[in-house]
Amino acid sequence: MQGEGSESRDVLPESFNTLEELSDFWDSHSSADYEDAMEPVEVEIDLSSSKVYCPAARDLLYQVREQARQQGVSTETLINLWLQEKLRASA
């Protein structure tokens, strides 16, 4: 398929079977080459965050990450669950 210039470009797939296929395609292609295939969209972004970041010792964080992986949850979820349990126990 020919672009607007003399450069040729790969055909933009209609869809991708996996996120990996999608990321592989865009890792090796520039979105600037496909501007004619893009559609404008309107979005609203809430820039306020309900997250607060708290430093943790690196070795503790590695242990928490491993526990979270073993339990099949995110590190953030596990930390929040543990904090909730601790607060309930001390109330």
N, C-alpha and C. Protein backbone atom coordinates (compact mmCIF):
# COMPACT_ATOMS: atom_id res chain seq x y z
N MET A 1 0.85 -1.18 0.00
CA MET A 1 0.00 0.00 0.00
C MET A 1 0.89 1.23 0.00
N GLN A 2 0.57 2.20 -0.79
CA GLN A 2 1.37 3.41 -0.90
C GLN A 2 0.81 4.49 0.02
N GLY A 3 1.71 5.21 0.72
CA GLY A 3 1.30 6.34 1.53
C GLY A 3 1.17 7.57 0.65
N GLU A 4 0.98 8.73 1.26
CA GLU A 4 0.82 9.94 0.49
C GLU A 4 2.12 10.32 -0.21
N GLY A 5 3.27 10.01 0.40
CA GLY A 5 4.55 10.30 -0.22
C GLY A 5 4.98 9.13 -1.08
N SER A 6 6.25 9.07 -1.40
CA SER A 6 6.75 7.99 -2.22
C SER A 6 7.13 6.77 -1.39
N GLU A 7 7.06 6.92 -0.05
CA GLU A 7 7.40 5.82 0.83
C GLU A 7 6.27 4.79 0.84
N SER A 8 6.62 3.52 0.87
CA SER A 8 5.59 2.50 1.00
C SER A 8 5.43 2.17 2.47
N ARG A 9 4.26 1.68 2.83
CA ARG A 9 3.99 1.33 4.21
C ARG A 9 3.23 0.02 4.25
N ASP A 10 3.33 -0.69 5.36
CA ASP A 10 2.57 -1.92 5.54
C ASP A 10 1.10 -1.57 5.73
N VAL A 11 0.26 -2.51 5.36
CA VAL A 11 -1.18 -2.33 5.56
C VAL A 11 -1.46 -2.37 7.06
N LEU A 12 -2.27 -1.44 7.53
CA LEU A 12 -2.68 -1.41 8.93
C LEU A 12 -3.73 -2.49 9.14
N PRO A 13 -3.47 -3.47 9.99
CA PRO A 13 -4.46 -4.54 10.20
C PRO A 13 -5.77 -3.98 10.73
N GLU A 14 -6.89 -4.62 10.34
CA GLU A 14 -8.21 -4.22 10.84
C GLU A 14 -8.29 -4.45 12.34
N SER A 15 -7.67 -5.54 12.81
CA SER A 15 -7.66 -5.86 14.24
C SER A 15 -6.44 -6.71 14.54
N PHE A 16 -6.18 -6.87 15.81
CA PHE A 16 -5.07 -7.69 16.27
C PHE A 16 -5.63 -8.80 17.15
N ASN A 17 -5.05 -9.99 17.07
CA ASN A 17 -5.54 -11.11 17.86
C ASN A 17 -5.11 -11.04 19.32
N THR A 18 -3.98 -10.39 19.58
CA THR A 18 -3.48 -10.29 20.94
C THR A 18 -2.87 -8.91 21.16
N LEU A 19 -2.72 -8.55 22.43
CA LEU A 19 -2.05 -7.29 22.74
C LEU A 19 -0.60 -7.33 22.28
N GLU A 20 0.00 -8.51 22.32
CA GLU A 20 1.38 -8.66 21.87
C GLU A 20 1.51 -8.32 20.38
N GLU A 21 0.56 -8.81 19.56
CA GLU A 21 0.58 -8.48 18.13
C GLU A 21 0.45 -6.97 17.92
N LEU A 22 -0.43 -6.35 18.68
CA LEU A 22 -0.63 -4.91 18.57
C LEU A 22 0.65 -4.17 18.94
N SER A 23 1.25 -4.53 20.08
CA SER A 23 2.47 -3.83 20.50
C SER A 23 3.63 -4.11 19.55
N ASP A 24 3.73 -5.33 19.02
CA ASP A 24 4.78 -5.64 18.05
C ASP A 24 4.65 -4.77 16.80
N PHE A 25 3.40 -4.60 16.33
CA PHE A 25 3.17 -3.78 15.13
C PHE A 25 3.63 -2.35 15.38
N TRP A 26 3.17 -1.74 16.50
CA TRP A 26 3.49 -0.34 16.75
C TRP A 26 4.92 -0.14 17.22
N ASP A 27 5.57 -1.19 17.70
CA ASP A 27 7.00 -1.09 18.02
C ASP A 27 7.84 -0.94 16.75
N SER A 28 7.32 -1.44 15.65
CA SER A 28 8.09 -1.42 14.41
C SER A 28 7.50 -0.49 13.34
N HIS A 29 6.47 0.29 13.70
CA HIS A 29 5.85 1.22 12.76
C HIS A 29 5.62 2.56 13.45
N SER A 30 5.55 3.61 12.66
CA SER A 30 5.28 4.95 13.19
C SER A 30 3.83 5.33 12.94
N SER A 31 3.16 5.82 13.99
CA SER A 31 1.76 6.26 13.81
C SER A 31 1.68 7.43 12.83
N ALA A 32 2.77 8.17 12.66
CA ALA A 32 2.78 9.29 11.70
C ALA A 32 2.53 8.80 10.28
N ASP A 33 2.88 7.56 9.99
CA ASP A 33 2.66 7.00 8.66
C ASP A 33 1.20 6.61 8.43
N TYR A 34 0.39 6.62 9.47
CA TYR A 34 -1.00 6.15 9.37
C TYR A 34 -2.00 7.21 9.79
N GLU A 35 -1.59 8.48 9.74
CA GLU A 35 -2.49 9.56 10.15
C GLU A 35 -3.78 9.58 9.34
N ASP A 36 -3.72 9.20 8.08
CA ASP A 36 -4.92 9.19 7.24
C ASP A 36 -5.93 8.13 7.68
N ALA A 37 -5.51 7.14 8.45
CA ALA A 37 -6.40 6.08 8.92
C ALA A 37 -6.96 6.38 10.32
N MET A 38 -6.52 7.46 10.93
CA MET A 38 -6.95 7.79 12.29
C MET A 38 -8.23 8.59 12.27
N GLU A 39 -9.02 8.42 13.33
CA GLU A 39 -10.26 9.18 13.49
C GLU A 39 -10.16 10.02 14.74
N PRO A 40 -10.66 11.25 14.69
CA PRO A 40 -10.62 12.08 15.89
C PRO A 40 -11.57 11.52 16.96
N VAL A 41 -11.17 11.64 18.21
CA VAL A 41 -12.01 11.22 19.33
C VAL A 41 -11.99 12.30 20.40
N GLU A 42 -13.05 12.32 21.19
CA GLU A 42 -13.10 13.23 22.33
C GLU A 42 -12.97 12.40 23.59
N VAL A 43 -12.13 12.86 24.51
CA VAL A 43 -11.95 12.16 25.77
C VAL A 43 -11.93 13.17 26.90
N GLU A 44 -12.33 12.72 28.07
CA GLU A 44 -12.21 13.51 29.28
C GLU A 44 -11.27 12.76 30.20
N ILE A 45 -10.31 13.47 30.75
CA ILE A 45 -9.34 12.85 31.63
C ILE A 45 -9.40 13.54 32.99
N ASP A 46 -9.59 12.73 34.02
CA ASP A 46 -9.59 13.25 35.39
C ASP A 46 -8.17 13.15 35.91
N LEU A 47 -7.51 14.29 36.05
CA LEU A 47 -6.11 14.29 36.46
C LEU A 47 -5.93 14.16 37.96
N SER A 48 -7.04 14.24 38.70
CA SER A 48 -6.90 14.05 40.14
C SER A 48 -6.73 12.56 40.42
N SER A 49 -5.94 12.26 41.41
CA SER A 49 -5.64 10.87 41.73
C SER A 49 -6.01 10.60 43.17
N SER A 50 -6.51 9.41 43.41
CA SER A 50 -6.82 9.03 44.78
C SER A 50 -5.68 8.19 45.37
N LYS A 51 -4.58 8.14 44.66
CA LYS A 51 -3.43 7.38 45.13
C LYS A 51 -2.45 8.30 45.83
N VAL A 52 -1.84 7.77 46.87
CA VAL A 52 -0.77 8.46 47.57
C VAL A 52 0.41 7.51 47.57
N TYR A 53 1.56 8.02 47.23
CA TYR A 53 2.73 7.16 47.14
C TYR A 53 3.53 7.22 48.44
N CYS A 54 3.95 6.06 48.89
CA CYS A 54 4.67 5.94 50.15
C CYS A 54 5.93 5.11 49.91
N PRO A 55 7.09 5.64 50.27
CA PRO A 55 8.32 4.87 50.06
C PRO A 55 8.34 3.60 50.90
N ALA A 56 8.95 2.58 50.36
CA ALA A 56 9.11 1.31 51.08
C ALA A 56 10.53 0.81 50.86
N ALA A 57 11.04 0.10 51.83
CA ALA A 57 12.37 -0.48 51.69
C ALA A 57 12.34 -1.48 50.53
N ARG A 58 13.36 -1.44 49.71
CA ARG A 58 13.42 -2.26 48.50
C ARG A 58 13.26 -3.75 48.81
N ASP A 59 13.96 -4.25 49.83
CA ASP A 59 13.87 -5.68 50.15
C ASP A 59 12.46 -6.07 50.60
N LEU A 60 11.78 -5.17 51.32
CA LEU A 60 10.40 -5.45 51.71
C LEU A 60 9.48 -5.48 50.50
N LEU A 61 9.69 -4.54 49.60
CA LEU A 61 8.85 -4.48 48.40
C LEU A 61 9.01 -5.73 47.56
N TYR A 62 10.24 -6.23 47.43
CA TYR A 62 10.45 -7.48 46.69
C TYR A 62 9.68 -8.63 47.32
N GLN A 63 9.68 -8.70 48.65
CA GLN A 63 8.95 -9.76 49.35
C GLN A 63 7.44 -9.62 49.15
N VAL A 64 6.94 -8.39 49.21
CA VAL A 64 5.51 -8.15 49.01
C VAL A 64 5.12 -8.52 47.58
N ARG A 65 5.95 -8.14 46.62
CA ARG A 65 5.65 -8.48 45.21
C ARG A 65 5.56 -10.00 45.03
N GLU A 66 6.45 -10.73 45.66
CA GLU A 66 6.44 -12.19 45.55
C GLU A 66 5.17 -12.75 46.19
N GLN A 67 4.81 -12.25 47.36
CA GLN A 67 3.56 -12.69 48.03
C GLN A 67 2.35 -12.41 47.13
N ALA A 68 2.32 -11.22 46.55
CA ALA A 68 1.20 -10.83 45.68
C ALA A 68 1.13 -11.76 44.47
N ARG A 69 2.28 -12.04 43.88
CA ARG A 69 2.32 -12.94 42.72
C ARG A 69 1.78 -14.30 43.10
N GLN A 70 2.19 -14.82 44.25
CA GLN A 70 1.72 -16.14 44.70
C GLN A 70 0.22 -16.15 44.95
N GLN A 71 -0.33 -15.01 45.38
CA GLN A 71 -1.76 -14.93 45.66
C GLN A 71 -2.58 -14.51 44.43
N GLY A 72 -1.89 -14.18 43.36
CA GLY A 72 -2.59 -13.82 42.12
C GLY A 72 -3.23 -12.44 42.15
N VAL A 73 -2.66 -11.52 42.93
CA VAL A 73 -3.18 -10.15 42.99
C VAL A 73 -2.03 -9.19 42.72
N SER A 74 -2.38 -7.93 42.49
CA SER A 74 -1.34 -6.92 42.28
C SER A 74 -0.70 -6.58 43.61
N THR A 75 0.49 -6.05 43.54
CA THR A 75 1.20 -5.60 44.75
C THR A 75 0.37 -4.57 45.48
N GLU A 76 -0.20 -3.62 44.75
CA GLU A 76 -1.00 -2.56 45.36
C GLU A 76 -2.21 -3.12 46.09
N THR A 77 -2.87 -4.11 45.49
CA THR A 77 -4.03 -4.73 46.12
C THR A 77 -3.64 -5.41 47.42
N LEU A 78 -2.56 -6.16 47.39
CA LEU A 78 -2.13 -6.86 48.59
C LEU A 78 -1.76 -5.88 49.70
N ILE A 79 -1.04 -4.83 49.38
CA ILE A 79 -0.67 -3.83 50.39
C ILE A 79 -1.92 -3.20 50.99
N ASN A 80 -2.89 -2.83 50.16
CA ASN A 80 -4.12 -2.23 50.66
C ASN A 80 -4.90 -3.20 51.55
N LEU A 81 -4.95 -4.47 51.16
CA LEU A 81 -5.64 -5.47 51.99
C LEU A 81 -4.96 -5.60 53.34
N TRP A 82 -3.64 -5.66 53.35
CA TRP A 82 -2.90 -5.79 54.60
C TRP A 82 -3.11 -4.56 55.49
N LEU A 83 -3.09 -3.39 54.90
CA LEU A 83 -3.32 -2.17 55.68
C LEU A 83 -4.72 -2.15 56.28
N GLN A 84 -5.72 -2.57 55.51
CA GLN A 84 -7.09 -2.63 56.02
C GLN A 84 -7.20 -3.61 57.18
N GLU A 85 -6.58 -4.78 57.03
CA GLU A 85 -6.60 -5.77 58.11
C GLU A 85 -5.94 -5.22 59.37
N LYS A 86 -4.81 -4.56 59.23
CA LYS A 86 -4.10 -3.99 60.38
C LYS A 86 -4.93 -2.93 61.06
N LEU A 87 -5.58 -2.08 60.29
CA LEU A 87 -6.41 -1.03 60.87
C LEU A 87 -7.62 -1.61 61.60
N ARG A 88 -8.25 -2.62 61.03
CA ARG A 88 -9.38 -3.28 61.70
C ARG A 88 -8.93 -3.92 63.01
N ALA A 89 -7.77 -4.55 63.00
CA ALA A 89 -7.27 -5.24 64.19
C ALA A 89 -6.92 -4.25 65.30
N SER A 90 -6.49 -3.05 64.93
CA SER A 90 -6.08 -2.08 65.95
C SER A 90 -7.22 -1.18 66.40
N ALA A 91 -8.39 -1.31 65.79
CA ALA A 91 -9.54 -0.45 66.15
C ALA A 91 -10.26 -0.94 67.39
